[in-house]
């Protein structure tokens, strides 16, 4: 949890509450902010794809990711050059992906060894705690400027990394034991059966639609997740304290969603649950448009954050339904599609907002995409 709070809560998402301060400082404009966000998501996409090629012990990769996140966060506060910011945000995205993937694998393996599977949801509350902490710091000390924020986040990340550093020392145990020879024939038979199911036309079609429709929430949530404080500052009265609180609300809802989603019945259809999550996020986005006040943004932040982690959980489960123990490749394709959606979001939103003077067209587009994605999931489930 602490590792993910550093790698994602700070390394990936601290940019959101600090973006208004960076814009106010004059070193960055809205288009530049959109480019920095998309470069970070492009780095995350590249890092997620490259995880397949990494063969180092999991604990060692997590340690390297924690150290790199501290240094990259520090670099954001020590420079004002856009091209350096661009490079740092891209690398920070890749590091976030590596740390997320291998800290997850490390943690889930340890919980399996301890027979404590019910604690798996706690791991994924880490990003929420990081989002809450960074958002509240900006609310309390935002007058010090963006540079002070980056330096403070680097210091806190260094402290958290030091506290959990010893836990990742047992890196030799990161590999799962080989299957027992007595089960080799059964494993081969199961593999052939799984391959036959995976190659069935209906299964291939469902896998294709899962990948395609999993890109939708990447595009749908990211516009709000990147520009929420900026949008709220434009909509609310000057000097209001509310804009700094909506991002921590998103983080708190993310924590509740991470814990709650893991307790839903396994026999429920993942596609219907994904569709429900998409609709919740669409409603949350729409609330900020039609009800542009403190209440609308508050409820909207909660509705967008609540299903954030649940979407990933349900998509992973559906991939396992389709491919069983061979689901890793399918989830890799789906994660890549999600990453493409994230990259596209800020690149569409920032120019559109700059040309129209409002984020409303971009937000309506995101909400419409989520509704269409939900309809696509219901359609696939109904056909089944």
Protein backbone atom coordinates (compact mmCIF):
# COMPACT_ATOMS: atom_id res chain seq x y z
CA UNK A 1 0.00 0.00 0.00
CA UNK A 2 2.79 2.41 0.88
CA UNK A 3 4.69 1.56 -2.30
CA UNK A 4 1.64 2.28 -4.45
CA UNK A 5 0.96 5.50 -2.52
CA UNK A 6 4.42 6.68 -3.58
CA UNK A 7 4.49 5.29 -7.13
CA UNK A 8 0.96 6.29 -8.16
CA UNK A 9 -0.40 8.68 -5.54
CA UNK A 10 2.69 10.89 -5.87
CA UNK A 11 4.66 9.74 -8.92
CA UNK A 12 1.66 9.69 -11.22
CA UNK A 13 -1.18 11.74 -9.71
CA UNK A 14 0.50 14.56 -7.72
CA UNK A 15 0.55 16.50 -11.00
CA UNK A 16 -3.23 17.01 -10.79
CA UNK A 17 -3.43 19.18 -7.62
CA UNK A 18 -0.20 20.98 -8.54
CA UNK A 19 -1.26 21.83 -12.10
CA UNK A 20 -3.20 25.00 -11.11
CA UNK A 21 -0.15 26.26 -9.21
CA UNK A 22 2.10 25.53 -12.19
CA UNK A 23 -0.30 27.41 -14.46
CA UNK A 24 -0.47 30.32 -12.02
CA UNK A 25 3.31 30.53 -11.89
CA UNK A 26 3.43 31.31 -15.61
CA UNK A 27 5.94 28.61 -16.56
CA UNK A 28 3.18 26.48 -18.09
CA UNK A 29 -0.01 27.05 -20.08
CA UNK A 30 -3.04 24.81 -20.46
CA UNK A 31 -1.84 23.19 -23.67
CA UNK A 32 1.53 22.49 -22.07
CA UNK A 33 -0.24 20.96 -19.08
CA UNK A 34 -2.16 18.68 -21.41
CA UNK A 35 1.05 17.59 -23.10
CA UNK A 36 2.77 16.86 -19.77
CA UNK A 37 -0.23 14.78 -18.67
CA UNK A 38 -0.31 12.80 -21.90
CA UNK A 39 3.45 12.22 -21.82
CA UNK A 40 3.09 10.79 -18.33
CA UNK A 41 0.34 8.45 -19.49
CA UNK A 42 2.40 7.53 -22.56
CA UNK A 43 5.24 6.60 -20.21
CA UNK A 44 2.83 4.52 -18.14
CA UNK A 45 1.70 2.75 -21.32
CA UNK A 46 5.31 2.06 -22.34
CA UNK A 47 6.18 0.85 -18.85
CA UNK A 48 3.17 -1.48 -18.70
CA UNK A 49 4.04 -3.03 -22.05
CA UNK A 50 7.73 -3.42 -21.15
CA UNK A 51 6.96 -5.27 -17.90
CA UNK A 52 6.84 -8.48 -19.94
CA UNK A 53 10.56 -8.14 -20.70
CA UNK A 54 11.70 -7.46 -17.12
CA UNK A 55 13.22 -10.57 -15.55
CA UNK A 56 14.66 -9.09 -12.33
CA UNK A 57 13.39 -10.11 -8.88
CA UNK A 58 10.19 -8.27 -8.01
CA UNK A 59 11.50 -6.77 -4.79
CA UNK A 60 14.51 -5.29 -6.57
CA UNK A 61 12.31 -3.65 -9.21
CA UNK A 62 10.05 -2.15 -6.52
CA UNK A 63 13.05 -0.72 -4.68
CA UNK A 64 14.38 0.81 -7.89
CA UNK A 65 10.93 2.23 -8.65
CA UNK A 66 10.62 3.84 -5.22
CA UNK A 67 14.06 5.43 -5.47
CA UNK A 68 13.41 6.66 -9.01
CA UNK A 69 10.04 8.16 -8.02
CA UNK A 70 11.71 10.19 -5.26
CA UNK A 71 14.39 11.50 -7.63
CA UNK A 72 11.94 12.29 -10.44
CA UNK A 73 9.58 14.11 -8.07
CA UNK A 74 12.54 16.10 -6.78
CA UNK A 75 13.55 16.96 -10.35
CA UNK A 76 10.11 18.47 -11.03
CA UNK A 77 10.76 21.00 -8.26
CA UNK A 78 14.34 21.81 -9.25
CA UNK A 79 13.73 22.80 -12.87
CA UNK A 80 11.45 25.19 -14.76
CA UNK A 81 12.32 24.00 -18.28
CA UNK A 82 9.38 22.50 -20.16
CA UNK A 83 11.47 19.97 -22.09
CA UNK A 84 12.95 18.67 -18.82
CA UNK A 85 9.50 18.46 -17.30
CA UNK A 86 8.35 16.51 -20.37
CA UNK A 87 11.19 14.00 -20.06
CA UNK A 88 10.69 13.62 -16.31
CA UNK A 89 6.93 13.06 -16.60
CA UNK A 90 7.39 10.41 -19.31
CA UNK A 91 9.97 8.48 -17.28
CA UNK A 92 7.87 8.89 -14.12
CA UNK A 93 4.96 7.27 -15.95
CA UNK A 94 7.07 4.25 -16.91
CA UNK A 95 8.42 3.94 -13.35
CA UNK A 96 4.86 4.10 -11.96
CA UNK A 97 3.80 1.22 -14.18
CA UNK A 98 6.78 -0.95 -13.23
CA UNK A 99 6.31 -0.31 -9.52
CA UNK A 100 2.55 -0.88 -9.71
CA UNK A 101 2.84 -4.19 -11.54
CA UNK A 102 5.66 -5.69 -9.50
CA UNK A 103 4.56 -4.34 -6.10
CA UNK A 104 1.13 -5.86 -6.85
CA UNK A 105 2.66 -9.21 -7.76
CA UNK A 106 4.96 -9.13 -4.74
CA UNK A 107 2.15 -8.22 -2.36
CA UNK A 108 -0.38 -10.72 -3.71
CA UNK A 109 2.24 -13.49 -3.57
CA UNK A 110 3.05 -12.69 0.05
CA UNK A 111 -0.63 -12.63 0.99
CA UNK A 112 -1.11 -16.01 -0.71
CA UNK A 113 1.77 -17.41 1.34
CA UNK A 114 0.14 -16.06 4.50
CA UNK A 115 -3.32 -17.31 3.53
CA UNK A 116 -4.67 -13.74 3.77
CA UNK A 117 -6.31 -13.19 0.37
CA UNK A 118 -8.99 -10.97 1.92
CA UNK A 119 -6.35 -8.27 2.46
CA UNK A 120 -5.69 -7.89 -1.27
CA UNK A 121 -8.05 -4.92 -1.53
CA UNK A 122 -5.93 -3.02 0.99
CA UNK A 123 -2.96 -2.97 -1.40
CA UNK A 124 -4.96 -0.99 -3.96
CA UNK A 125 -6.00 1.68 -1.47
CA UNK A 126 -2.43 3.03 -1.69
CA UNK A 127 -3.06 5.37 -4.65
CA UNK A 128 -6.10 6.76 -2.83
CA UNK A 129 -4.08 7.60 0.27
CA UNK A 130 -1.44 9.27 -1.91
CA UNK A 131 -4.10 11.32 -3.71
CA UNK A 132 -5.65 12.43 -0.41
CA UNK A 133 -2.28 13.45 1.04
CA UNK A 134 -1.14 15.44 -1.99
CA UNK A 135 -4.52 17.13 -2.38
CA UNK A 136 -4.74 18.18 1.27
CA UNK A 137 -1.15 19.48 1.24
CA UNK A 138 -1.92 21.73 -1.72
CA UNK A 139 -5.07 22.95 0.04
CA UNK A 140 -3.13 23.80 3.20
CA UNK A 141 0.14 25.08 1.77
CA UNK A 142 -0.66 25.92 -1.84
CA UNK A 143 0.44 29.52 -1.27
CA UNK A 144 4.05 28.32 -1.21
CA UNK A 145 3.83 27.46 -4.92
CA UNK A 146 4.26 24.41 -7.12
CA UNK A 147 8.02 24.10 -6.56
CA UNK A 148 7.56 23.75 -2.80
CA UNK A 149 4.87 21.16 -3.45
CA UNK A 150 7.11 18.97 -5.61
CA UNK A 151 9.96 19.21 -3.08
CA UNK A 152 7.65 18.38 -0.16
CA UNK A 153 6.19 15.38 -2.00
CA UNK A 154 9.71 14.15 -2.77
CA UNK A 155 10.62 14.36 0.91
CA UNK A 156 7.50 12.48 2.06
CA UNK A 157 8.03 9.86 -0.65
CA UNK A 158 11.61 9.37 0.52
CA UNK A 159 10.39 8.82 4.07
CA UNK A 160 7.76 6.25 3.01
CA UNK A 161 10.26 4.49 0.74
CA UNK A 162 12.76 4.25 3.62
CA UNK A 163 10.10 2.80 5.93
CA UNK A 164 9.09 -0.03 3.55
CA UNK A 165 12.53 -0.55 1.97
CA UNK A 166 13.50 -3.55 4.20
CA UNK A 167 10.29 -5.41 3.30
CA UNK A 168 11.39 -5.76 -0.33
CA UNK A 169 14.75 -7.28 0.50
CA UNK A 170 13.53 -10.88 0.22
CA UNK A 171 13.58 -10.72 -3.58
CA UNK A 172 14.69 -14.29 -4.25
CA UNK A 173 11.21 -15.57 -3.36
CA UNK A 174 9.51 -13.62 -6.13
CA UNK A 175 9.26 -16.53 -8.50
CA UNK A 176 6.50 -19.07 -8.12
CA UNK A 177 7.60 -22.70 -7.64
CA UNK A 178 7.41 -24.96 -10.70
CA UNK A 179 4.43 -27.31 -10.97
CA UNK A 180 4.88 -30.76 -9.46
CA UNK A 181 5.82 -33.47 -11.93
CA UNK A 182 2.84 -35.58 -10.83
CA UNK A 183 0.51 -32.93 -12.19
CA UNK A 184 2.29 -32.42 -15.52
CA UNK A 185 -0.17 -34.46 -17.57
CA UNK A 186 -3.15 -32.78 -15.91
CA UNK A 187 -1.61 -29.37 -16.59
CA UNK A 188 -1.06 -30.24 -20.24
CA UNK A 189 -4.64 -31.45 -20.56
CA UNK A 190 -5.96 -28.29 -18.93
CA UNK A 191 -3.80 -26.15 -21.20
CA UNK A 192 -5.19 -27.88 -24.30
CA UNK A 193 -8.73 -27.40 -23.04
CA UNK A 194 -8.08 -23.73 -22.27
CA UNK A 195 -6.55 -23.20 -25.72
CA UNK A 196 -9.60 -24.77 -27.34
CA UNK A 197 -11.94 -22.46 -25.43
CA UNK A 198 -9.77 -19.40 -26.10
CA UNK A 199 -9.75 -20.11 -29.84
CA UNK A 200 -13.53 -20.47 -30.07
CA UNK A 201 -15.00 -17.71 -32.29
CA UNK A 202 -17.33 -16.41 -29.55
CA UNK A 203 -14.46 -16.27 -27.06
CA UNK A 204 -12.23 -14.40 -29.48
CA UNK A 205 -15.02 -11.90 -30.15
CA UNK A 206 -15.59 -11.35 -26.41
CA UNK A 207 -11.84 -10.85 -25.90
CA UNK A 208 -11.75 -8.29 -28.73
CA UNK A 209 -14.67 -6.33 -27.26
CA UNK A 210 -13.19 -6.48 -23.75
CA UNK A 211 -9.98 -4.86 -25.01
CA UNK A 212 -11.82 -2.26 -27.07
CA UNK A 213 -14.33 -1.31 -24.37
CA UNK A 214 -11.68 -1.24 -21.63
CA UNK A 215 -10.11 1.72 -23.45
CA UNK A 216 -13.27 3.75 -22.83
CA UNK A 217 -12.82 4.44 -19.06
CA UNK A 218 -9.19 5.36 -19.73
CA UNK A 219 -10.45 8.19 -21.95
CA UNK A 220 -13.54 8.89 -19.84
CA UNK A 221 -12.08 9.50 -16.40
CA UNK A 222 -8.71 10.99 -17.31
CA UNK A 223 -9.98 14.39 -18.43
CA UNK A 224 -11.55 15.00 -15.04
CA UNK A 225 -8.68 13.33 -13.19
CA UNK A 226 -6.16 15.62 -14.91
CA UNK A 227 -8.01 18.93 -14.90
CA UNK A 228 -10.46 18.68 -11.96
CA UNK A 229 -8.87 21.44 -9.80
CA UNK A 230 -8.51 23.70 -12.86
CA UNK A 231 -12.14 23.12 -13.88
CA UNK A 232 -13.40 23.77 -10.35
CA UNK A 233 -11.37 26.98 -9.98
CA UNK A 234 -12.90 28.33 -13.18
CA UNK A 235 -16.44 27.44 -12.09
CA UNK A 236 -16.41 28.53 -8.46
CA UNK A 237 -15.95 31.95 -6.91
CA UNK A 238 -12.42 33.28 -6.64
CA UNK A 239 -10.83 32.43 -3.31
CA UNK A 240 -13.09 29.44 -2.61
CA UNK A 241 -11.40 26.64 -0.65
CA UNK A 242 -13.53 23.96 -2.33
CA UNK A 243 -11.43 23.40 -5.50
CA UNK A 244 -8.56 22.02 -3.41
CA UNK A 245 -10.83 19.48 -1.69
CA UNK A 246 -12.39 17.72 -4.68
CA UNK A 247 -9.23 15.77 -5.51
CA UNK A 248 -8.91 14.36 -1.95
CA UNK A 249 -12.59 13.39 -2.20
CA UNK A 250 -11.74 11.43 -5.34
CA UNK A 251 -8.97 9.65 -3.42
CA UNK A 252 -11.23 8.82 -0.47
CA UNK A 253 -13.86 7.37 -2.82
CA UNK A 254 -11.14 5.34 -4.55
CA UNK A 255 -10.22 3.75 -1.20
CA UNK A 256 -13.85 2.85 -0.47
CA UNK A 257 -14.27 1.41 -3.96
CA UNK A 258 -11.10 -0.68 -3.71
CA UNK A 259 -12.27 -2.27 -0.46
CA UNK A 260 -15.90 -2.68 -1.52
CA UNK A 261 -15.38 -4.12 -5.00
CA UNK A 262 -13.31 -7.03 -3.67
CA UNK A 263 -16.30 -8.13 -1.55
CA UNK A 264 -18.85 -8.34 -4.38
CA UNK A 265 -19.98 -11.89 -5.32
CA UNK A 266 -17.72 -13.62 -7.82
CA UNK A 267 -20.66 -15.14 -9.74
CA UNK A 268 -22.00 -11.74 -10.84
CA UNK A 269 -21.39 -10.99 -14.53
CA UNK A 270 -18.29 -8.80 -14.78
CA UNK A 271 -19.60 -7.07 -17.90
CA UNK A 272 -22.74 -5.84 -16.13
CA UNK A 273 -20.64 -4.61 -13.19
CA UNK A 274 -18.25 -2.85 -15.57
CA UNK A 275 -21.23 -1.22 -17.30
CA UNK A 276 -22.49 0.00 -13.92
CA UNK A 277 -19.08 1.48 -13.15
CA UNK A 278 -18.99 3.27 -16.51
CA UNK A 279 -22.43 4.79 -15.87
CA UNK A 280 -21.40 5.93 -12.38
CA UNK A 281 -18.39 7.76 -13.82
CA UNK A 282 -20.51 9.28 -16.61
CA UNK A 283 -23.00 10.61 -14.06
CA UNK A 284 -20.14 11.97 -11.96
CA UNK A 285 -18.74 13.84 -14.95
CA UNK A 286 -22.18 15.19 -15.93
CA UNK A 287 -22.83 16.47 -12.40
CA UNK A 288 -19.85 18.81 -12.68
CA UNK A 289 -21.29 20.26 -15.90
CA UNK A 290 -24.98 20.68 -15.05
CA UNK A 291 -24.41 21.46 -11.36
CA UNK A 292 -21.18 23.53 -11.36
CA UNK A 293 -21.06 24.30 -7.66
CA UNK A 294 -19.46 22.78 -4.57
CA UNK A 295 -22.15 20.11 -4.19
CA UNK A 296 -22.03 19.07 -7.84
CA UNK A 297 -18.25 18.77 -7.92
CA UNK A 298 -18.25 16.93 -4.57
CA UNK A 299 -20.75 14.27 -5.64
CA UNK A 300 -19.09 14.09 -9.05
CA UNK A 301 -15.66 13.45 -7.53
CA UNK A 302 -17.05 10.64 -5.40
CA UNK A 303 -18.89 8.99 -8.30
CA UNK A 304 -15.80 9.12 -10.52
CA UNK A 305 -13.44 7.83 -7.83
CA UNK A 306 -15.63 5.08 -6.38
CA UNK A 307 -15.46 2.70 -9.40
CA UNK A 308 -11.89 3.64 -10.38
CA UNK A 309 -10.21 0.52 -8.97
CA UNK A 310 -13.33 -1.65 -9.37
CA UNK A 311 -13.09 -1.23 -13.16
CA UNK A 312 -9.63 -2.78 -13.17
CA UNK A 313 -10.71 -5.60 -10.86
CA UNK A 314 -13.76 -6.55 -12.93
CA UNK A 315 -11.83 -6.39 -16.20
CA UNK A 316 -9.13 -8.69 -14.77
CA UNK A 317 -11.79 -11.13 -13.63
CA UNK A 318 -13.44 -11.12 -17.06
CA UNK A 319 -10.11 -11.81 -18.72
CA UNK A 320 -9.70 -14.85 -16.46
CA UNK A 321 -13.22 -16.00 -17.37
CA UNK A 322 -12.26 -15.85 -21.05
CA UNK A 323 -8.71 -17.22 -20.88
CA UNK A 324 -8.29 -18.85 -17.47
CA UNK A 325 -4.66 -19.20 -16.45
CA UNK A 326 -3.65 -17.85 -19.87
CA UNK A 327 -5.20 -14.43 -19.26
CA UNK A 328 -1.95 -12.46 -18.88
CA UNK A 329 -1.65 -11.60 -22.58
CA UNK A 330 -5.30 -10.53 -22.81
CA UNK A 331 -4.91 -8.28 -19.77
CA UNK A 332 -1.77 -6.85 -21.32
CA UNK A 333 -3.69 -5.88 -24.45
CA UNK A 334 -6.51 -4.44 -22.35
CA UNK A 335 -4.08 -2.41 -20.22
CA UNK A 336 -2.49 -1.06 -23.38
CA UNK A 337 -5.92 -0.02 -24.70
CA UNK A 338 -6.68 1.71 -21.38
CA UNK A 339 -3.37 3.52 -21.65
CA UNK A 340 -4.17 4.73 -25.16
CA UNK A 341 -7.44 6.16 -23.83
CA UNK A 342 -5.53 8.01 -21.12
CA UNK A 343 -3.06 9.45 -23.60
CA UNK A 344 -5.85 10.68 -25.88
CA UNK A 345 -7.91 12.35 -23.13
CA UNK A 346 -5.72 15.36 -22.27
CA UNK A 347 -4.66 15.81 -25.91
CA UNK A 348 -8.34 16.21 -26.84
CA UNK A 349 -9.43 18.20 -23.79
CA UNK A 350 -6.72 20.85 -23.50
CA UNK A 351 -6.93 22.22 -27.10
CA UNK A 352 -10.73 22.05 -27.05
CA UNK A 353 -10.89 23.95 -23.77
CA UNK A 354 -8.38 26.52 -25.02
CA UNK A 355 -10.36 27.14 -28.21
CA UNK A 356 -13.85 27.21 -26.64
CA UNK A 357 -12.97 28.71 -23.26
CA UNK A 358 -14.72 25.85 -21.47
CA UNK A 359 -14.09 22.24 -20.48
CA UNK A 360 -17.78 21.38 -20.93
CA UNK A 361 -17.49 20.04 -24.52
CA UNK A 362 -14.62 17.74 -23.51
CA UNK A 363 -16.47 16.52 -20.43
CA UNK A 364 -19.67 15.81 -22.37
CA UNK A 365 -17.58 13.86 -24.87
CA UNK A 366 -16.05 11.81 -22.03
CA UNK A 367 -19.47 11.14 -20.45
CA UNK A 368 -20.93 10.10 -23.81
CA UNK A 369 -18.02 7.71 -24.43
CA UNK A 370 -18.62 6.06 -21.05
CA UNK A 371 -22.35 5.63 -21.72
CA UNK A 372 -21.63 4.09 -25.14
CA UNK A 373 -19.04 1.81 -23.54
CA UNK A 374 -21.59 0.67 -20.94
CA UNK A 375 -24.11 -0.03 -23.71
CA UNK A 376 -21.49 -2.11 -25.54
CA UNK A 377 -20.82 -4.19 -22.43
CA UNK A 378 -24.52 -4.82 -21.82
CA UNK A 379 -24.89 -5.83 -25.48
CA UNK A 380 -22.07 -8.39 -25.20
CA UNK A 381 -23.46 -9.78 -21.95
CA UNK A 382 -26.96 -10.05 -23.44
CA UNK A 383 -25.64 -11.93 -26.46
CA UNK A 384 -23.96 -14.43 -24.14
